[in-house]
Amino acid sequence: MANPPAQPLAGRIALVTGASRGIGAATALALAQAGAHIVATARTVGALEELDDEIRKVGGTATLVPLDMRDHDGLARLGATLHDRYHRLDVLVGNAAILGPISPLGHVEPKAWDEVMAINLTSNWQLIRCMDPLLKLADAGRAVFVSSGAATNIHAYWGPYSVSKAALNTLARIYAAETASSRVRVNLFNPGPTRTRMRAQAMPGEDPMTLDTPEMIAEKIVALCLPSFNETGMLYDYPQKKLLSFRAPE
């Protein structure tokens, strides 16, 4: 059997949101190591520049896009720019998210609720609106949305975050169904507990050294971005190391 190419994403364009730290940064770097040119978005310019340095160290290239995911006009401009420059998008990783308040539902301020929904859910819908035509122009468009176990493992006080991720699951599944007859493949990824700043914020008493690193997670996300990965409408559950179907058994 022939060995797989060292850079299976060579010459491809990959957009990663929330790429300044954690899983987003690790995924951007892993995609670059696989040969993709990275279009990295985040709000923090300095962190994006640090990512660019790391990508250059592995021989990769990146375009940095300082962008707030609530800036829908900005996302639309990004889509237009990608079309003008590359005429397609090969990989979309929707990773940007915030934790929001951990508190009883009745104590959540409307502004905080709206912010969680805007970043974790609505921005991904806007990404689909803007990037779907570009993904369809690729010979093997791949979209991966980073979900969470909180979407299905319900716990008190996690309302805004859990609701946003459950809705994201549905959004991605609908998009997968709508593109099933195309060359686009759309899947979800549940990283589980990971050594990130968001996890430390949610679980301040937890020993981070007991958790898998973002780099370990990123390796599995990249696998879903390859042209050879043909499943769609699925969820890769990292804690179970298993690809799960949303379809009910017949």
Protein backbone atom coordinates (compact mmCIF):
# COMPACT_ATOMS: atom_id res chain seq x y z
CA MET A 1 0.00 0.00 0.00
CA ALA A 2 1.33 3.42 -0.94
CA ASN A 3 2.23 5.80 1.85
CA PRO A 4 -0.12 8.78 2.23
CA PRO A 5 1.29 12.13 1.08
CA ALA A 6 3.26 14.00 3.72
CA GLN A 7 1.15 17.10 3.10
CA PRO A 8 -2.35 15.91 2.13
CA LEU A 9 -3.65 19.51 2.15
CA ALA A 10 -0.89 21.00 0.01
CA GLY A 11 -2.19 23.88 -2.08
CA ARG A 12 -5.49 24.09 -0.21
CA ILE A 13 -7.02 27.06 1.59
CA ALA A 14 -8.25 26.60 5.18
CA LEU A 15 -10.21 29.15 7.21
CA VAL A 16 -10.06 28.72 11.00
CA THR A 17 -12.09 30.93 13.33
CA GLY A 18 -11.04 31.58 16.91
CA ALA A 19 -7.49 30.81 15.84
CA SER A 20 -5.60 32.91 18.37
CA ARG A 21 -5.29 30.30 21.12
CA GLY A 22 -6.31 26.85 22.33
CA ILE A 23 -7.91 24.41 19.93
CA GLY A 24 -8.20 27.01 17.17
CA ALA A 25 -4.50 27.88 17.19
CA ALA A 26 -3.47 24.22 17.41
CA THR A 27 -5.78 23.30 14.53
CA ALA A 28 -4.50 26.15 12.37
CA LEU A 29 -0.93 25.03 12.97
CA ALA A 30 -1.76 21.37 12.28
CA LEU A 31 -3.53 22.30 9.04
CA ALA A 32 -0.49 24.33 8.03
CA GLN A 33 1.76 21.36 8.73
CA ALA A 34 -0.53 19.35 6.45
CA GLY A 35 0.20 21.86 3.68
CA ALA A 36 -2.79 24.23 3.79
CA HIS A 37 -2.53 27.99 3.55
CA ILE A 38 -4.24 29.25 6.70
CA VAL A 39 -6.73 32.10 6.88
CA ALA A 40 -6.84 32.74 10.63
CA THR A 41 -9.46 34.91 12.31
CA ALA A 42 -9.57 36.12 15.90
CA ARG A 43 -10.05 39.35 17.82
CA THR A 44 -6.54 39.45 19.32
CA VAL A 45 -3.98 40.75 16.85
CA GLY A 46 -0.96 39.90 18.99
CA ALA A 47 -2.03 36.28 19.41
CA LEU A 48 -2.61 35.97 15.66
CA GLU A 49 0.89 37.26 15.05
CA GLU A 50 2.26 34.64 17.44
CA LEU A 51 0.35 31.98 15.50
CA ASP A 52 1.84 33.31 12.26
CA ASP A 53 5.32 32.93 13.74
CA GLU A 54 4.61 29.29 14.64
CA ILE A 55 3.20 28.56 11.19
CA ARG A 56 6.28 30.06 9.55
CA LYS A 57 8.50 27.86 11.72
CA VAL A 58 6.93 24.74 10.18
CA GLY A 59 7.27 26.15 6.67
CA GLY A 60 3.64 27.18 6.33
CA THR A 61 1.91 30.39 5.31
CA ALA A 62 -1.01 32.30 6.78
CA THR A 63 -3.25 35.26 6.20
CA LEU A 64 -4.25 36.98 9.45
CA VAL A 65 -7.73 38.47 9.73
CA PRO A 66 -8.45 40.38 12.97
CA LEU A 67 -12.23 39.99 13.20
CA ASP A 68 -14.99 39.90 15.78
CA MET A 69 -17.34 37.05 14.90
CA ARG A 70 -20.30 39.34 15.61
CA ASP A 71 -19.23 41.53 12.70
CA HIS A 72 -21.45 40.00 10.03
CA ASP A 73 -20.46 42.58 7.44
CA GLY A 74 -16.84 41.69 8.15
CA LEU A 75 -17.54 38.01 7.56
CA ALA A 76 -19.24 38.87 4.28
CA ARG A 77 -16.23 40.96 3.23
CA LEU A 78 -13.96 38.06 4.12
CA GLY A 79 -15.98 35.74 1.90
CA ALA A 80 -15.77 38.20 -0.98
CA THR A 81 -12.03 38.60 -0.50
CA LEU A 82 -11.46 34.84 -0.47
CA HIS A 83 -13.46 34.57 -3.68
CA ASP A 84 -11.47 37.30 -5.38
CA ARG A 85 -8.11 35.93 -4.23
CA TYR A 86 -8.56 32.15 -4.31
CA HIS A 87 -11.89 31.52 -6.09
CA ARG A 88 -12.71 28.79 -3.57
CA LEU A 89 -12.41 27.61 0.04
CA ASP A 90 -11.25 24.06 0.72
CA VAL A 91 -11.58 23.86 4.51
CA LEU A 92 -13.71 25.71 7.06
CA VAL A 93 -13.19 25.10 10.78
CA GLY A 94 -15.83 26.91 12.84
CA ASN A 95 -14.13 26.99 16.22
CA ALA A 96 -14.72 30.44 17.72
CA ALA A 97 -16.80 30.31 20.90
CA ILE A 98 -17.19 31.78 24.36
CA LEU A 99 -18.27 30.14 27.59
CA GLY A 100 -20.63 32.83 28.81
CA PRO A 101 -22.06 32.94 32.32
CA ILE A 102 -22.26 29.82 34.47
CA SER A 103 -25.36 30.63 36.52
CA PRO A 104 -29.06 29.82 36.90
CA LEU A 105 -31.06 30.65 33.79
CA GLY A 106 -33.08 33.24 35.66
CA HIS A 107 -29.90 35.10 36.58
CA VAL A 108 -28.46 35.33 33.06
CA GLU A 109 -28.52 38.88 31.76
CA PRO A 110 -30.07 39.30 28.29
CA LYS A 111 -26.89 40.94 26.99
CA ALA A 112 -24.79 37.96 28.08
CA TRP A 113 -27.28 35.49 26.55
CA ASP A 114 -27.27 37.38 23.26
CA GLU A 115 -23.47 37.48 23.16
CA VAL A 116 -23.15 33.70 23.60
CA MET A 117 -25.72 33.03 20.88
CA ALA A 118 -24.15 35.59 18.55
CA ILE A 119 -20.66 34.08 18.75
CA ASN A 120 -21.36 30.38 19.26
CA LEU A 121 -24.34 30.02 16.93
CA THR A 122 -25.26 32.98 14.73
CA SER A 123 -21.70 33.60 13.55
CA ASN A 124 -21.52 30.00 12.30
CA TRP A 125 -24.76 30.48 10.38
CA GLN A 126 -23.23 33.61 8.88
CA LEU A 127 -20.10 31.63 7.99
CA ILE A 128 -22.27 29.12 6.16
CA ARG A 129 -24.04 31.92 4.28
CA CYS A 130 -20.75 33.50 3.21
CA MET A 131 -18.55 30.45 2.69
CA ASP A 132 -20.95 27.86 1.24
CA PRO A 133 -20.51 29.12 -2.35
CA LEU A 134 -16.73 28.97 -1.93
CA LEU A 135 -16.78 25.47 -0.42
CA LYS A 136 -18.87 24.30 -3.37
CA LEU A 137 -16.25 25.67 -5.77
CA ALA A 138 -13.61 23.41 -4.19
CA ASP A 139 -13.11 19.87 -5.45
CA ALA A 140 -13.51 18.57 -1.88
CA GLY A 141 -14.92 21.25 0.42
CA ARG A 142 -14.78 20.30 4.09
CA ALA A 143 -16.50 22.07 7.00
CA VAL A 144 -15.98 21.12 10.64
CA PHE A 145 -17.80 22.84 13.49
CA VAL A 146 -16.44 22.47 17.01
CA SER A 147 -19.25 21.38 19.31
CA SER A 148 -19.18 20.28 22.95
CA GLY A 149 -20.34 17.48 25.17
CA ALA A 150 -22.41 20.15 26.93
CA ALA A 151 -24.77 20.05 23.95
CA THR A 152 -26.11 16.68 25.07
CA ASN A 153 -24.76 16.12 28.61
CA ILE A 154 -27.01 18.54 30.42
CA HIS A 155 -25.88 20.16 33.66
CA ALA A 156 -27.43 22.87 35.78
CA TYR A 157 -26.14 26.42 35.29
CA TRP A 158 -24.62 25.81 31.85
CA GLY A 159 -27.68 27.17 30.03
CA PRO A 160 -26.36 29.68 27.44
CA TYR A 161 -23.35 27.61 26.42
CA SER A 162 -25.20 24.28 26.29
CA VAL A 163 -28.13 25.73 24.34
CA SER A 164 -25.80 27.41 21.84
CA LYS A 165 -23.87 24.20 21.21
CA ALA A 166 -27.03 22.09 20.91
CA ALA A 167 -28.31 24.57 18.33
CA LEU A 168 -24.94 24.48 16.54
CA ASN A 169 -25.28 20.69 16.25
CA THR A 170 -28.65 21.13 14.56
CA LEU A 171 -27.36 23.91 12.31
CA ALA A 172 -24.46 21.78 11.08
CA ARG A 173 -26.66 18.74 10.53
CA ILE A 174 -29.08 20.80 8.43
CA TYR A 175 -26.18 22.17 6.39
CA ALA A 176 -24.86 18.63 5.92
CA ALA A 177 -28.28 17.50 4.66
CA GLU A 178 -28.50 20.43 2.27
CA THR A 179 -25.07 19.68 0.79
CA ALA A 180 -25.29 15.88 0.81
CA SER A 181 -25.42 15.65 -2.99
CA SER A 182 -22.51 18.05 -3.44
CA ARG A 183 -18.77 17.65 -2.94
CA VAL A 184 -19.00 19.43 0.42
CA ARG A 185 -18.79 17.38 3.61
CA VAL A 186 -19.99 18.87 6.90
CA ASN A 187 -19.26 17.39 10.31
CA LEU A 188 -19.14 18.21 14.00
CA PHE A 189 -16.32 17.62 16.46
CA ASN A 190 -16.65 17.24 20.22
CA PRO A 191 -13.20 17.73 21.79
CA GLY A 192 -14.26 16.86 25.33
CA PRO A 193 -12.31 18.22 28.31
CA THR A 194 -9.20 19.92 26.91
CA ARG A 195 -6.33 21.89 28.42
CA THR A 196 -7.57 25.33 27.36
CA ARG A 197 -8.24 28.66 29.00
CA MET A 198 -12.00 28.20 28.54
CA ARG A 199 -11.88 24.85 30.36
CA ALA A 200 -9.91 26.43 33.22
CA GLN A 201 -12.52 29.17 33.42
CA ALA A 202 -15.32 26.61 33.61
CA MET A 203 -13.54 24.20 35.96
CA PRO A 204 -11.12 26.27 38.08
CA GLY A 205 -10.41 23.44 40.52
CA GLU A 206 -9.43 20.91 37.87
CA ASP A 207 -5.82 19.87 37.33
CA PRO A 208 -5.12 20.86 33.70
CA MET A 209 -2.30 18.32 33.47
CA THR A 210 -4.90 15.55 33.55
CA LEU A 211 -6.43 16.80 30.29
CA ASP A 212 -5.43 16.20 26.68
CA THR A 213 -3.77 19.13 24.94
CA PRO A 214 -5.18 21.19 22.07
CA GLU A 215 -2.47 19.71 19.85
CA MET A 216 -3.82 16.21 20.44
CA ILE A 217 -7.33 17.41 19.58
CA ALA A 218 -6.17 19.23 16.45
CA GLU A 219 -4.72 16.07 14.93
CA LYS A 220 -8.20 14.52 14.86
CA ILE A 221 -9.87 17.66 13.52
CA VAL A 222 -7.43 17.71 10.60
CA ALA A 223 -8.46 14.15 9.72
CA LEU A 224 -12.03 15.38 9.13
CA CYS A 225 -10.70 18.10 6.81
CA LEU A 226 -8.94 15.80 4.36
CA PRO A 227 -10.31 15.25 0.85
CA SER A 228 -10.28 11.52 1.59
CA PHE A 229 -12.78 11.92 4.45
CA ASN A 230 -16.17 11.36 2.83
CA GLU A 231 -18.61 11.07 5.74
CA THR A 232 -21.04 13.92 6.28
CA GLY A 233 -23.54 14.88 8.97
CA MET A 234 -21.53 13.04 11.61
CA LEU A 235 -20.01 13.92 14.98
CA TYR A 236 -16.53 12.82 15.96
CA ASP A 237 -16.53 12.34 19.71
CA TYR A 238 -12.94 12.69 20.84
CA PRO A 239 -13.46 11.26 24.35
CA GLN A 240 -14.88 8.09 22.79
CA LYS A 241 -12.46 8.20 19.83
CA LYS A 242 -15.49 7.39 17.73
CA LEU A 243 -17.41 8.80 14.77
CA LEU A 244 -21.08 8.98 15.72
CA SER A 245 -24.12 9.15 13.46
CA PHE A 246 -27.10 11.31 14.29
CA ARG A 247 -29.35 9.00 12.31
CA ALA A 248 -31.66 6.76 14.31
CA PRO A 249 -30.97 3.03 13.82
CA GLU A 250 -33.32 1.40 11.35
